Amino acid sequence: TDLSGHTCGNGPNTGSLGRYELDANTFALDWQIDYLKVDFCGFRHGEHCADDPRCVPVEAAQQFEHWSALRDAVNKTGRPIYLSICPHAVASGAGTEVPKDAVIYAPPPEWTRAERHNLANS
């Protein structure tokens, strides 16, 4: 699934945004899965997210809230599920060849080690 209301194929209303508990229950109780890969394709950087209700902001604090809500929904099912997440960060441009403000596939540097660990559900 996807953290947002999109998918990587940009399908209509196919991500889990707004349905974290419903989807977690479907995955855990109906389908009885053991592994859940969650992409983050429906992100936007900056003000562009306000125009799309299926969007999750890539900014660290808002993104963390969504990952936490999904983790909590999965844990609430009571089924042990390995949760594989794909957080994104906005590059600082310092010391790398990645341009400033480019979105990269890595946890935001603003997240502490404890916060990153807290997102783990196992």
PDB file of N, CA and C in Angstrom:
ATOM      1  N   THR A   1       0.841  -1.175   0.000  1.00  0.00           N
ATOM      2  CA  THR A   1       0.000   0.000   0.000  1.00  0.00           C
ATOM      3  C   THR A   1       0.889   1.242   0.000  1.00  0.00           C
ATOM      4  N   ASP A   2       0.266   2.386   0.120  1.00  0.00           N
ATOM      5  CA  ASP A   2       1.000   3.647   0.151  1.00  0.00           C
ATOM      6  C   ASP A   2       0.526   4.464   1.352  1.00  0.00           C
ATOM      7  N   LEU A   3       1.418   5.209   1.964  1.00  0.00           N
ATOM      8  CA  LEU A   3       1.095   6.039   3.122  1.00  0.00           C
ATOM      9  C   LEU A   3       0.070   7.107   2.778  1.00  0.00           C
ATOM     10  N   SER A   4       0.103   7.567   1.541  1.00  0.00           N
ATOM     11  CA  SER A   4      -0.788   8.642   1.104  1.00  0.00           C
ATOM     12  C   SER A   4      -2.059   8.052   0.491  1.00  0.00           C
ATOM     13  N   GLY A   5      -2.808   8.874  -0.200  1.00  0.00           N
ATOM     14  CA  GLY A   5      -3.984   8.414  -0.921  1.00  0.00           C
ATOM     15  C   GLY A   5      -3.677   8.042  -2.356  1.00  0.00           C
ATOM     16  N   HIS A   6      -2.409   8.043  -2.713  1.00  0.00           N
ATOM     17  CA  HIS A   6      -1.952   7.695  -4.059  1.00  0.00           C
ATOM     18  C   HIS A   6      -1.268   6.333  -4.021  1.00  0.00           C
ATOM     19  N   THR A   7      -0.808   5.895  -5.156  1.00  0.00           N
ATOM     20  CA  THR A   7       0.126   4.782  -5.247  1.00  0.00           C
ATOM     21  C   THR A   7       1.255   5.230  -6.155  1.00  0.00           C
ATOM     22  N   CYS A   8       2.257   4.413  -6.292  1.00  0.00           N
ATOM     23  CA  CYS A   8       3.355   4.775  -7.178  1.00  0.00           C
ATOM     24  C   CYS A   8       2.900   4.847  -8.633  1.00  0.00           C
ATOM     25  N   GLY A   9       1.814   4.160  -8.958  1.00  0.00           N
ATOM     26  CA  GLY A   9       1.231   4.253 -10.297  1.00  0.00           C
ATOM     27  C   GLY A   9       0.223   5.382 -10.395  1.00  0.00           C
ATOM     28  N   ASN A  10       0.067   6.147  -9.302  1.00  0.00           N
ATOM     29  CA  ASN A  10      -0.833   7.286  -9.215  1.00  0.00           C
ATOM     30  C   ASN A  10      -2.290   6.901  -9.490  1.00  0.00           C
ATOM     31  N   GLY A  11      -2.679   5.715  -9.038  1.00  0.00           N
ATOM     32  CA  GLY A  11      -4.063   5.286  -9.186  1.00  0.00           C
ATOM     33  C   GLY A  11      -4.996   6.102  -8.306  1.00  0.00           C
ATOM     34  N   PRO A  12      -6.267   6.151  -8.630  1.00  0.00           N
ATOM     35  CA  PRO A  12      -7.219   6.971  -7.872  1.00  0.00           C
ATOM     36  C   PRO A  12      -7.597   6.330  -6.529  1.00  0.00           C
ATOM     37  N   ASN A  13      -7.411   7.072  -5.455  1.00  0.00           N
ATOM     38  CA  ASN A  13      -7.841   6.662  -4.118  1.00  0.00           C
ATOM     39  C   ASN A  13      -7.406   5.256  -3.742  1.00  0.00           C
ATOM     40  N   THR A  14      -6.179   4.897  -4.032  1.00  0.00           N
ATOM     41  CA  THR A  14      -5.741   3.538  -3.791  1.00  0.00           C
ATOM     42  C   THR A  14      -4.745   3.391  -2.652  1.00  0.00           C
ATOM     43  N   GLY A  15      -4.241   4.486  -2.113  1.00  0.00           N
ATOM     44  CA  GLY A  15      -3.364   4.403  -0.955  1.00  0.00           C
ATOM     45  C   GLY A  15      -4.190   4.285   0.321  1.00  0.00           C
ATOM     46  N   SER A  16      -3.530   4.248   1.460  1.00  0.00           N
ATOM     47  CA  SER A  16      -4.206   4.017   2.739  1.00  0.00           C
ATOM     48  C   SER A  16      -4.606   5.281   3.494  1.00  0.00           C
ATOM     49  N   LEU A  17      -4.227   6.456   3.019  1.00  0.00           N
ATOM     50  CA  LEU A  17      -4.543   7.691   3.728  1.00  0.00           C
ATOM     51  C   LEU A  17      -6.039   7.781   4.021  1.00  0.00           C
ATOM     52  N   GLY A  18      -6.367   8.033   5.282  1.00  0.00           N
ATOM     53  CA  GLY A  18      -7.754   8.135   5.700  1.00  0.00           C
ATOM     54  C   GLY A  18      -8.384   6.792   6.030  1.00  0.00           C
ATOM     55  N   ARG A  19      -7.634   5.715   5.795  1.00  0.00           N
ATOM     56  CA  ARG A  19      -8.146   4.366   6.052  1.00  0.00           C
ATOM     57  C   ARG A  19      -7.104   3.496   6.738  1.00  0.00           C
ATOM     58  N   TYR A  20      -6.218   4.088   7.530  1.00  0.00           N
ATOM     59  CA  TYR A  20      -5.151   3.303   8.143  1.00  0.00           C
ATOM     60  C   TYR A  20      -5.715   2.137   8.962  1.00  0.00           C
ATOM     61  N   GLU A  21      -6.712   2.384   9.809  1.00  0.00           N
ATOM     62  CA  GLU A  21      -7.261   1.304  10.638  1.00  0.00           C
ATOM     63  C   GLU A  21      -7.998   0.269   9.795  1.00  0.00           C
ATOM     64  N   LEU A  22      -8.801   0.714   8.858  1.00  0.00           N
ATOM     65  CA  LEU A  22      -9.527  -0.222   7.992  1.00  0.00           C
ATOM     66  C   LEU A  22      -8.553  -1.100   7.216  1.00  0.00           C
ATOM     67  N   ASP A  23      -7.544  -0.479   6.612  1.00  0.00           N
ATOM     68  CA  ASP A  23      -6.569  -1.246   5.838  1.00  0.00           C
ATOM     69  C   ASP A  23      -5.760  -2.175   6.736  1.00  0.00           C
ATOM     70  N   ALA A  24      -5.345  -1.696   7.914  1.00  0.00           N
ATOM     71  CA  ALA A  24      -4.586  -2.548   8.834  1.00  0.00           C
ATOM     72  C   ALA A  24      -5.404  -3.779   9.229  1.00  0.00           C
ATOM     73  N   ASN A  25      -6.688  -3.578   9.517  1.00  0.00           N
ATOM     74  CA  ASN A  25      -7.549  -4.714   9.860  1.00  0.00           C
ATOM     75  C   ASN A  25      -7.714  -5.668   8.685  1.00  0.00           C
ATOM     76  N   THR A  26      -7.850  -5.139   7.488  1.00  0.00           N
ATOM     77  CA  THR A  26      -7.957  -5.990   6.302  1.00  0.00           C
ATOM     78  C   THR A  26      -6.691  -6.814   6.122  1.00  0.00           C
ATOM     79  N   PHE A  27      -5.534  -6.162   6.203  1.00  0.00           N
ATOM     80  CA  PHE A  27      -4.260  -6.866   6.029  1.00  0.00           C
ATOM     81  C   PHE A  27      -4.062  -7.931   7.107  1.00  0.00           C
ATOM     82  N   ALA A  28      -4.334  -7.560   8.363  1.00  0.00           N
ATOM     83  CA  ALA A  28      -4.039  -8.448   9.491  1.00  0.00           C
ATOM     84  C   ALA A  28      -5.095  -9.524   9.700  1.00  0.00           C
ATOM     85  N   LEU A  29      -6.346  -9.141   9.706  1.00  0.00           N
ATOM     86  CA  LEU A  29      -7.403 -10.068  10.102  1.00  0.00           C
ATOM     87  C   LEU A  29      -8.016 -10.831   8.929  1.00  0.00           C
ATOM     88  N   ASP A  30      -8.240 -10.137   7.819  1.00  0.00           N
ATOM     89  CA  ASP A  30      -8.842 -10.802   6.663  1.00  0.00           C
ATOM     90  C   ASP A  30      -7.803 -11.565   5.838  1.00  0.00           C
ATOM     91  N   TRP A  31      -6.710 -10.897   5.516  1.00  0.00           N
ATOM     92  CA  TRP A  31      -5.703 -11.511   4.655  1.00  0.00           C
ATOM     93  C   TRP A  31      -4.616 -12.236   5.450  1.00  0.00           C
ATOM     94  N   GLN A  32      -4.491 -11.948   6.727  1.00  0.00           N
ATOM     95  CA  GLN A  32      -3.520 -12.564   7.631  1.00  0.00           C
ATOM     96  C   GLN A  32      -2.080 -12.496   7.096  1.00  0.00           C
ATOM     97  N   ILE A  33      -1.692 -11.308   6.692  1.00  0.00           N
ATOM     98  CA  ILE A  33      -0.336 -11.122   6.161  1.00  0.00           C
ATOM     99  C   ILE A  33       0.685 -11.078   7.294  1.00  0.00           C
ATOM    100  N   ASP A  34       1.943 -11.292   6.949  1.00  0.00           N
ATOM    101  CA  ASP A  34       3.050 -11.229   7.908  1.00  0.00           C
ATOM    102  C   ASP A  34       4.017 -10.091   7.596  1.00  0.00           C
ATOM    103  N   TYR A  35       3.918  -9.530   6.395  1.00  0.00           N
ATOM    104  CA  TYR A  35       4.845  -8.494   5.929  1.00  0.00           C
ATOM    105  C   TYR A  35       4.039  -7.448   5.175  1.00  0.00           C
ATOM    106  N   LEU A  36       4.264  -6.185   5.504  1.00  0.00           N
ATOM    107  CA  LEU A  36       3.562  -5.103   4.820  1.00  0.00           C
ATOM    108  C   LEU A  36       4.572  -4.072   4.348  1.00  0.00           C
ATOM    109  N   LYS A  37       4.687  -3.920   3.036  1.00  0.00           N
ATOM    110  CA  LYS A  37       5.555  -2.908   2.435  1.00  0.00           C
ATOM    111  C   LYS A  37       4.706  -1.677   2.169  1.00  0.00           C
ATOM    112  N   VAL A  38       5.126  -0.546   2.722  1.00  0.00           N
ATOM    113  CA  VAL A  38       4.370   0.695   2.569  1.00  0.00           C
ATOM    114  C   VAL A  38       5.245   1.714   1.846  1.00  0.00           C
ATOM    115  N   ASP A  39       4.819   2.089   0.648  1.00  0.00           N
ATOM    116  CA  ASP A  39       5.532   3.094  -0.133  1.00  0.00           C
ATOM    117  C   ASP A  39       5.089   4.488   0.295  1.00  0.00           C
ATOM    118  N   PHE A  40       5.744   5.478  -0.269  1.00  0.00           N
ATOM    119  CA  PHE A  40       5.402   6.879   0.003  1.00  0.00           C
ATOM    120  C   PHE A  40       5.511   7.645  -1.307  1.00  0.00           C
ATOM    121  N   CYS A  41       4.646   7.285  -2.249  1.00  0.00           N
ATOM    122  CA  CYS A  41       4.678   7.913  -3.572  1.00  0.00           C
ATOM    123  C   CYS A  41       3.802   9.155  -3.663  1.00  0.00           C
ATOM    124  N   GLY A  42       2.811   9.278  -2.778  1.00  0.00           N
ATOM    125  CA  GLY A  42       1.887  10.404  -2.843  1.00  0.00           C
ATOM    126  C   GLY A  42       2.301  11.571  -1.984  1.00  0.00           C
ATOM    127  N   PHE A  43       3.566  11.913  -2.031  1.00  0.00           N
ATOM    128  CA  PHE A  43       4.054  13.039  -1.236  1.00  0.00           C
ATOM    129  C   PHE A  43       4.120  14.290  -2.089  1.00  0.00           C
ATOM    130  N   ARG A  44       4.130  15.407  -1.415  1.00  0.00           N
ATOM    131  CA  ARG A  44       4.380  16.694  -2.059  1.00  0.00           C
ATOM    132  C   ARG A  44       5.284  17.482  -1.118  1.00  0.00           C
ATOM    133  N   HIS A  45       6.046  18.355  -1.692  1.00  0.00           N
ATOM    134  CA  HIS A  45       6.967  19.176  -0.930  1.00  0.00           C
ATOM    135  C   HIS A  45       6.434  20.609  -0.900  1.00  0.00           C
ATOM    136  N   GLY A  46       6.326  21.166   0.306  1.00  0.00           N
ATOM    137  CA  GLY A  46       5.909  22.550   0.453  1.00  0.00           C
ATOM    138  C   GLY A  46       4.411  22.731   0.328  1.00  0.00           C
ATOM    139  N   GLU A  47       4.019  23.841  -0.234  1.00  0.00           N
ATOM    140  CA  GLU A  47       2.611  24.233  -0.307  1.00  0.00           C
ATOM    141  C   GLU A  47       1.778  23.387  -1.272  1.00  0.00           C
ATOM    142  N   HIS A  48       2.403  22.635  -2.143  1.00  0.00           N
ATOM    143  CA  HIS A  48       1.677  21.888  -3.162  1.00  0.00           C
ATOM    144  C   HIS A  48       0.728  20.849  -2.570  1.00  0.00           C
ATOM    145  N   CYS A  49       0.961  20.416  -1.353  1.00  0.00           N
ATOM    146  CA  CYS A  49       0.134  19.394  -0.721  1.00  0.00           C
ATOM    147  C   CYS A  49      -1.258  19.923  -0.377  1.00  0.00           C
ATOM    148  N   ALA A  50      -1.381  21.197  -0.140  1.00  0.00           N
ATOM    149  CA  ALA A  50      -2.674  21.779   0.229  1.00  0.00           C
ATOM    150  C   ALA A  50      -3.711  21.614  -0.879  1.00  0.00           C
ATOM    151  N   ASP A  51      -3.267  21.476  -2.110  1.00  0.00           N
ATOM    152  CA  ASP A  51      -4.174  21.335  -3.254  1.00  0.00           C
ATOM    153  C   ASP A  51      -4.645  19.900  -3.483  1.00  0.00           C
ATOM    154  N   ASP A  52      -4.109  18.937  -2.737  1.00  0.00           N
ATOM    155  CA  ASP A  52      -4.395  17.523  -2.986  1.00  0.00           C
ATOM    156  C   ASP A  52      -4.734  16.814  -1.678  1.00  0.00           C
ATOM    157  N   PRO A  53      -6.007  16.478  -1.426  1.00  0.00           N
ATOM    158  CA  PRO A  53      -6.393  15.839  -0.171  1.00  0.00           C
ATOM    159  C   PRO A  53      -5.840  14.422  -0.008  1.00  0.00           C
ATOM    160  N   ARG A  54      -5.293  13.845  -1.075  1.00  0.00           N
ATOM    161  CA  ARG A  54      -4.707  12.503  -0.983  1.00  0.00           C
ATOM    162  C   ARG A  54      -3.214  12.554  -0.692  1.00  0.00           C
ATOM    163  N   CYS A  55      -2.705  13.738  -0.459  1.00  0.00           N
ATOM    164  CA  CYS A  55      -1.272  13.973  -0.288  1.00  0.00           C
ATOM    165  C   CYS A  55      -0.860  13.921   1.180  1.00  0.00           C
ATOM    166  N   VAL A  56       0.345  13.457   1.431  1.00  0.00           N
ATOM    167  CA  VAL A  56       0.994  13.532   2.739  1.00  0.00           C
ATOM    168  C   VAL A  56       2.237  14.399   2.547  1.00  0.00           C
ATOM    169  N   PRO A  57       2.404  15.451   3.361  1.00  0.00           N
ATOM    170  CA  PRO A  57       3.582  16.307   3.205  1.00  0.00           C
ATOM    171  C   PRO A  57       4.878  15.542   3.476  1.00  0.00           C
ATOM    172  N   VAL A  58       5.917  15.848   2.735  1.00  0.00           N
ATOM    173  CA  VAL A  58       7.207  15.198   2.925  1.00  0.00           C
ATOM    174  C   VAL A  58       7.960  15.812   4.115  1.00  0.00           C
ATOM    175  N   GLU A  59       7.518  16.963   4.589  1.00  0.00           N
ATOM    176  CA  GLU A  59       8.179  17.602   5.726  1.00  0.00           C
ATOM    177  C   GLU A  59       8.174  16.657   6.918  1.00  0.00           C
ATOM    178  N   ALA A  60       9.266  16.666   7.679  1.00  0.00           N
ATOM    179  CA  ALA A  60       9.543  15.650   8.704  1.00  0.00           C
ATOM    180  C   ALA A  60       8.424  15.455   9.724  1.00  0.00           C
ATOM    181  N   ALA A  61       7.926  16.517  10.334  1.00  0.00           N
ATOM    182  CA  ALA A  61       6.947  16.377  11.417  1.00  0.00           C
ATOM    183  C   ALA A  61       5.622  15.801  10.915  1.00  0.00           C
ATOM    184  N   GLN A  62       5.110  16.328   9.807  1.00  0.00           N
ATOM    185  CA  GLN A  62       3.838  15.831   9.274  1.00  0.00           C
ATOM    186  C   GLN A  62       3.977  14.388   8.791  1.00  0.00           C
ATOM    187  N   GLN A  63       5.071  14.087   8.141  1.00  0.00           N
ATOM    188  CA  GLN A  63       5.315  12.731   7.656  1.00  0.00           C
ATOM    189  C   GLN A  63       5.387  11.756   8.832  1.00  0.00           C
ATOM    190  N   PHE A  64       6.069  12.151   9.910  1.00  0.00           N
ATOM    191  CA  PHE A  64       6.194  11.289  11.086  1.00  0.00           C
ATOM    192  C   PHE A  64       4.823  10.986  11.696  1.00  0.00           C
ATOM    193  N   GLU A  65       3.949  11.988  11.735  1.00  0.00           N
ATOM    194  CA  GLU A  65       2.597  11.775  12.270  1.00  0.00           C
ATOM    195  C   GLU A  65       1.864  10.689  11.492  1.00  0.00           C
ATOM    196  N   HIS A  66       1.988  10.703  10.175  1.00  0.00           N
ATOM    197  CA  HIS A  66       1.306   9.709   9.346  1.00  0.00           C
ATOM    198  C   HIS A  66       1.906   8.319   9.513  1.00  0.00           C
ATOM    199  N   TRP A  67       3.244   8.229   9.524  1.00  0.00           N
ATOM    200  CA  TRP A  67       3.874   6.922   9.744  1.00  0.00           C
ATOM    201  C   TRP A  67       3.481   6.370  11.108  1.00  0.00           C
ATOM    202  N   SER A  68       3.425   7.235  12.118  1.00  0.00           N
ATOM    203  CA  SER A  68       3.044   6.794  13.467  1.00  0.00           C
ATOM    204  C   SER A  68       1.603   6.299  13.501  1.00  0.00           C
ATOM    205  N   ALA A  69       0.704   7.002  12.816  1.00  0.00           N
ATOM    206  CA  ALA A  69      -0.702   6.597  12.794  1.00  0.00           C
ATOM    207  C   ALA A  69      -0.864   5.235  12.114  1.00  0.00           C
ATOM    208  N   LEU A  70      -0.137   5.011  11.033  1.00  0.00           N
ATOM    209  CA  LEU A  70      -0.206   3.719  10.356  1.00  0.00           C
ATOM    210  C   LEU A  70       0.377   2.626  11.247  1.00  0.00           C
ATOM    211  N   ARG A  71       1.525   2.884  11.863  1.00  0.00           N
ATOM    212  CA  ARG A  71       2.125   1.913  12.783  1.00  0.00           C
ATOM    213  C   ARG A  71       1.162   1.558  13.906  1.00  0.00           C
ATOM    214  N   ASP A  72       0.516   2.572  14.494  1.00  0.00           N
ATOM    215  CA  ASP A  72      -0.427   2.333  15.585  1.00  0.00           C
ATOM    216  C   ASP A  72      -1.607   1.481  15.126  1.00  0.00           C
ATOM    217  N   ALA A  73      -2.093   1.739  13.918  1.00  0.00           N
ATOM    218  CA  ALA A  73      -3.216   0.959  13.390  1.00  0.00           C
ATOM    219  C   ALA A  73      -2.819  -0.502  13.192  1.00  0.00           C
ATOM    220  N   VAL A  74      -1.617  -0.729  12.674  1.00  0.00           N
ATOM    221  CA  VAL A  74      -1.131  -2.105  12.491  1.00  0.00           C
ATOM    222  C   VAL A  74      -0.963  -2.788  13.842  1.00  0.00           C
ATOM    223  N   ASN A  75      -0.355  -2.111  14.802  1.00  0.00           N
ATOM    224  CA  ASN A  75      -0.148  -2.699  16.125  1.00  0.00           C
ATOM    225  C   ASN A  75      -1.470  -2.998  16.825  1.00  0.00           C
ATOM    226  N   LYS A  76      -2.451  -2.160  16.612  1.00  0.00           N
ATOM    227  CA  LYS A  76      -3.757  -2.328  17.260  1.00  0.00           C
ATOM    228  C   LYS A  76      -4.446  -3.628  16.834  1.00  0.00           C
ATOM    229  N   THR A  77      -4.100  -4.160  15.671  1.00  0.00           N
ATOM    230  CA  THR A  77      -4.725  -5.402  15.213  1.00  0.00           C
ATOM    231  C   THR A  77      -4.320  -6.598  16.061  1.00  0.00           C
ATOM    232  N   GLY A  78      -3.173  -6.504  16.730  1.00  0.00           N
ATOM    233  CA  GLY A  78      -2.689  -7.612  17.545  1.00  0.00           C
ATOM    234  C   GLY A  78      -1.920  -8.664  16.764  1.00  0.00           C
ATOM    235  N   ARG A  79      -1.889  -8.561  15.456  1.00  0.00           N
ATOM    236  CA  ARG A  79      -1.146  -9.536  14.638  1.00  0.00           C
ATOM    237  C   ARG A  79       0.277  -9.028  14.433  1.00  0.00           C
ATOM    238  N   PRO A  80       1.278  -9.877  14.663  1.00  0.00           N
ATOM    239  CA  PRO A  80       2.660  -9.449  14.402  1.00  0.00           C
ATOM    240  C   PRO A  80       2.903  -9.354  12.896  1.00  0.00           C
ATOM    241  N   ILE A  81       3.121  -8.146  12.435  1.00  0.00           N
ATOM    242  CA  ILE A  81       3.359  -7.882  11.014  1.00  0.00           C
ATOM    243  C   ILE A  81       4.648  -7.096  10.892  1.00  0.00           C
ATOM    244  N   TYR A  82       5.554  -7.565  10.039  1.00  0.00           N
ATOM    245  CA  TYR A  82       6.763  -6.817   9.757  1.00  0.00           C
ATOM    246  C   TYR A  82       6.370  -5.642   8.869  1.00  0.00           C
ATOM    247  N   LEU A  83       6.603  -4.440   9.365  1.00  0.00           N
ATOM    248  CA  LEU A  83       6.226  -3.222   8.660  1.00  0.00           C
ATOM    249  C   LEU A  83       7.460  -2.619   7.994  1.00  0.00           C
ATOM    250  N   SER A  84       7.475  -2.623   6.677  1.00  0.00           N
ATOM    251  CA  SER A  84       8.580  -2.072   5.904  1.00  0.00           C
ATOM    252  C   SER A  84       8.150  -0.727   5.342  1.00  0.00           C
ATOM    253  N   ILE A  85       8.774   0.355   5.838  1.00  0.00           N
ATOM    254  CA  ILE A  85       8.369   1.696   5.432  1.00  0.00           C
ATOM    255  C   ILE A  85       9.417   2.341   4.534  1.00  0.00           C
ATOM    256  N   CYS A  86       9.000   3.364   3.835  1.00  0.00           N
ATOM    257  CA  CYS A  86       9.868   4.055   2.883  1.00  0.00           C
ATOM    258  C   CYS A  86       9.755   5.568   3.087  1.00  0.00           C
ATOM    259  N   PRO A  87      10.295   6.085   4.208  1.00  0.00           N
ATOM    260  CA  PRO A  87      10.215   7.528   4.427  1.00  0.00           C
ATOM    261  C   PRO A  87      11.104   8.283   3.443  1.00  0.00           C
ATOM    262  N   HIS A  88      10.813   9.557   3.286  1.00  0.00           N
ATOM    263  CA  HIS A  88      11.583  10.423   2.388  1.00  0.00           C
ATOM    264  C   HIS A  88      12.118  11.614   3.176  1.00  0.00           C
ATOM    265  N   ALA A  89      13.141  12.214   2.636  1.00  0.00           N
ATOM    266  CA  ALA A  89      13.719  13.413   3.238  1.00  0.00           C
ATOM    267  C   ALA A  89      13.958  14.458   2.159  1.00  0.00           C
ATOM    268  N   VAL A  90      14.057  15.685   2.580  1.00  0.00           N
ATOM    269  CA  VAL A  90      14.391  16.777   1.674  1.00  0.00           C
ATOM    270  C   VAL A  90      15.885  17.050   1.841  1.00  0.00           C
ATOM    271  N   ALA A  91      16.620  16.930   0.762  1.00  0.00           N
ATOM    272  CA  ALA A  91      18.076  17.059   0.814  1.00  0.00           C
ATOM    273  C   ALA A  91      18.503  18.482   1.159  1.00  0.00           C
ATOM    274  N   SER A  92      19.535  18.560   1.976  1.00  0.00           N
ATOM    275  CA  SER A  92      20.075  19.868   2.351  1.00  0.00           C
ATOM    276  C   SER A  92      21.021  20.402   1.284  1.00  0.00           C
ATOM    277  N   GLY A  93      21.559  19.492   0.462  1.00  0.00           N
ATOM    278  CA  GLY A  93      22.513  19.902  -0.566  1.00  0.00           C
ATOM    279  C   GLY A  93      23.920  20.057  -0.047  1.00  0.00           C
ATOM    280  N   ALA A  94      24.107  19.918   1.247  1.00  0.00           N
ATOM    281  CA  ALA A  94      25.433  20.092   1.840  1.00  0.00           C
ATOM    282  C   ALA A  94      26.231  18.799   1.774  1.00  0.00           C
ATOM    283  N   GLY A  95      27.403  18.870   1.182  1.00  0.00           N
ATOM    284  CA  GLY A  95      28.328  17.751   1.174  1.00  0.00           C
ATOM    285  C   GLY A  95      27.940  16.593   0.270  1.00  0.00           C
ATOM    286  N   THR A  96      26.987  16.775  -0.596  1.00  0.00           N
ATOM    287  CA  THR A  96      26.598  15.710  -1.511  1.00  0.00           C
ATOM    288  C   THR A  96      26.387  16.283  -2.906  1.00  0.00           C
ATOM    289  N   GLU A  97      26.187  15.389  -3.830  1.00  0.00           N
ATOM    290  CA  GLU A  97      25.863  15.831  -5.184  1.00  0.00           C
ATOM    291  C   GLU A  97      24.360  15.961  -5.383  1.00  0.00           C
ATOM    292  N   VAL A  98      23.592  15.634  -4.346  1.00  0.00           N
ATOM    293  CA  VAL A  98      22.142  15.749  -4.423  1.00  0.00           C
ATOM    294  C   VAL A  98      21.782  17.229  -4.296  1.00  0.00           C
ATOM    295  N   PRO A  99      21.023  17.766  -5.225  1.00  0.00           N
ATOM    296  CA  PRO A  99      20.684  19.186  -5.163  1.00  0.00           C
ATOM    297  C   PRO A  99      19.847  19.534  -3.927  1.00  0.00           C
ATOM    298  N   LYS A 100      20.033  20.725  -3.431  1.00  0.00           N
ATOM    299  CA  LYS A 100      19.247  21.217  -2.300  1.00  0.00           C
ATOM    300  C   LYS A 100      17.763  21.144  -2.645  1.00  0.00           C
ATOM    301  N   ASP A 101      16.961  20.700  -1.683  1.00  0.00           N
ATOM    302  CA  ASP A 101      15.507  20.575  -1.787  1.00  0.00           C
ATOM    303  C   ASP A 101      15.032  19.403  -2.649  1.00  0.00           C
ATOM    304  N   ALA A 102      15.954  18.576  -3.141  1.00  0.00           N
ATOM    305  CA  ALA A 102      15.525  17.363  -3.845  1.00  0.00           C
ATOM    306  C   ALA A 102      14.994  16.384  -2.803  1.00  0.00           C
ATOM    307  N   VAL A 103      14.014  15.586  -3.179  1.00  0.00           N
ATOM    308  CA  VAL A 103      13.457  14.581  -2.270  1.00  0.00           C
ATOM    309  C   VAL A 103      14.227  13.283  -2.468  1.00  0.00           C
ATOM    310  N   ILE A 104      14.704  12.718  -1.354  1.00  0.00           N
ATOM    311  CA  ILE A 104      15.492  11.484  -1.402  1.00  0.00           C
ATOM    312  C   ILE A 104      14.812  10.401  -0.553  1.00  0.00           C
ATOM    313  N   TYR A 105      15.145   9.148  -0.841  1.00  0.00           N
ATOM    314  CA  TYR A 105      14.579   8.015  -0.114  1.00  0.00           C
ATOM    315  C   TYR A 105      15.426   7.712   1.104  1.00  0.00           C
ATOM    316  N   ALA A 106      15.131   8.393   2.195  1.00  0.00           N
ATOM    317  CA  ALA A 106      15.848   8.219   3.456  1.00  0.00           C
ATOM    318  C   ALA A 106      15.018   8.868   4.557  1.00  0.00           C
ATOM    319  N   PRO A 107      15.173   8.415   5.789  1.00  0.00           N
ATOM    320  CA  PRO A 107      14.452   9.096   6.868  1.00  0.00           C
ATOM    321  C   PRO A 107      14.913  10.548   6.970  1.00  0.00           C
ATOM    322  N   PRO A 108      14.009  11.453   7.281  1.00  0.00           N
ATOM    323  CA  PRO A 108      14.416  12.848   7.442  1.00  0.00           C
ATOM    324  C   PRO A 108      15.471  12.980   8.543  1.00  0.00           C
ATOM    325  N   PRO A 109      16.499  13.787   8.332  1.00  0.00           N
ATOM    326  CA  PRO A 109      17.545  13.934   9.343  1.00  0.00           C
ATOM    327  C   PRO A 109      17.028  14.571  10.633  1.00  0.00           C
ATOM    328  N   GLU A 110      15.861  15.217  10.568  1.00  0.00           N
ATOM    329  CA  GLU A 110      15.270  15.812  11.772  1.00  0.00           C
ATOM    330  C   GLU A 110      14.758  14.744  12.743  1.00  0.00           C
ATOM    331  N   TRP A 111      14.505  13.534  12.248  1.00  0.00           N
ATOM    332  CA  TRP A 111      14.036  12.464  13.120  1.00  0.00           C
ATOM    333  C   TRP A 111      15.201  11.967  13.964  1.00  0.00           C
ATOM    334  N   THR A 112      14.989  11.874  15.245  1.00  0.00           N
ATOM    335  CA  THR A 112      16.029  11.359  16.131  1.00  0.00           C
ATOM    336  C   THR A 112      16.113   9.845  16.003  1.00  0.00           C
ATOM    337  N   ARG A 113      17.164   9.284  16.545  1.00  0.00           N
ATOM    338  CA  ARG A 113      17.297   7.822  16.551  1.00  0.00           C
ATOM    339  C   ARG A 113      16.120   7.193  17.287  1.00  0.00           C
ATOM    340  N   ALA A 114      15.719   7.794  18.396  1.00  0.00           N
ATOM    341  CA  ALA A 114      14.574   7.276  19.159  1.00  0.00           C
ATOM    342  C   ALA A 114      13.294   7.328  18.337  1.00  0.00           C
ATOM    343  N   GLU A 115      13.076   8.393  17.581  1.00  0.00           N
ATOM    344  CA  GLU A 115      11.890   8.485  16.740  1.00  0.00           C
ATOM    345  C   GLU A 115      11.904   7.432  15.635  1.00  0.00           C
ATOM    346  N   ARG A 116      13.064   7.253  15.012  1.00  0.00           N
ATOM    347  CA  ARG A 116      13.159   6.232  13.964  1.00  0.00           C
ATOM    348  C   ARG A 116      12.884   4.849  14.550  1.00  0.00           C
ATOM    349  N   HIS A 117      13.451   4.582  15.704  1.00  0.00           N
ATOM    350  CA  HIS A 117      13.223   3.307  16.381  1.00  0.00           C
ATOM    351  C   HIS A 117      11.764   3.154  16.773  1.00  0.00           C
ATOM    352  N   ASN A 118      11.144   4.246  17.196  1.00  0.00           N
ATOM    353  CA  ASN A 118       9.738   4.238  17.624  1.00  0.00           C
ATOM    354  C   ASN A 118       8.798   3.862  16.481  1.00  0.00           C
ATOM    355  N   LEU A 119       9.200   4.121  15.249  1.00  0.00           N
ATOM    356  CA  LEU A 119       8.353   3.747  14.109  1.00  0.00           C
ATOM    357  C   LEU A 119       8.359   2.247  13.865  1.00  0.00           C
ATOM    358  N   ALA A 120       9.369   1.570  14.380  1.00  0.00           N
ATOM    359  CA  ALA A 120       9.400   0.108  14.233  1.00  0.00           C
ATOM    360  C   ALA A 120       8.281  -0.486  15.078  1.00  0.00           C
ATOM    361  N   ASN A 121       7.602  -1.444  14.523  1.00  0.00           N
ATOM    362  CA  ASN A 121       6.460  -2.000  15.253  1.00  0.00           C
ATOM    363  C   ASN A 121       6.710  -3.394  15.775  1.00  0.00           C
ATOM    364  N   SER A 122       7.931  -3.878  15.670  1.00  0.00           N
ATOM    365  CA  SER A 122       8.171  -5.231  16.138  1.00  0.00           C
ATOM    366  C   SER A 122       9.080  -5.240  17.353  1.00  0.00           C
TER     367      SER A 122
END
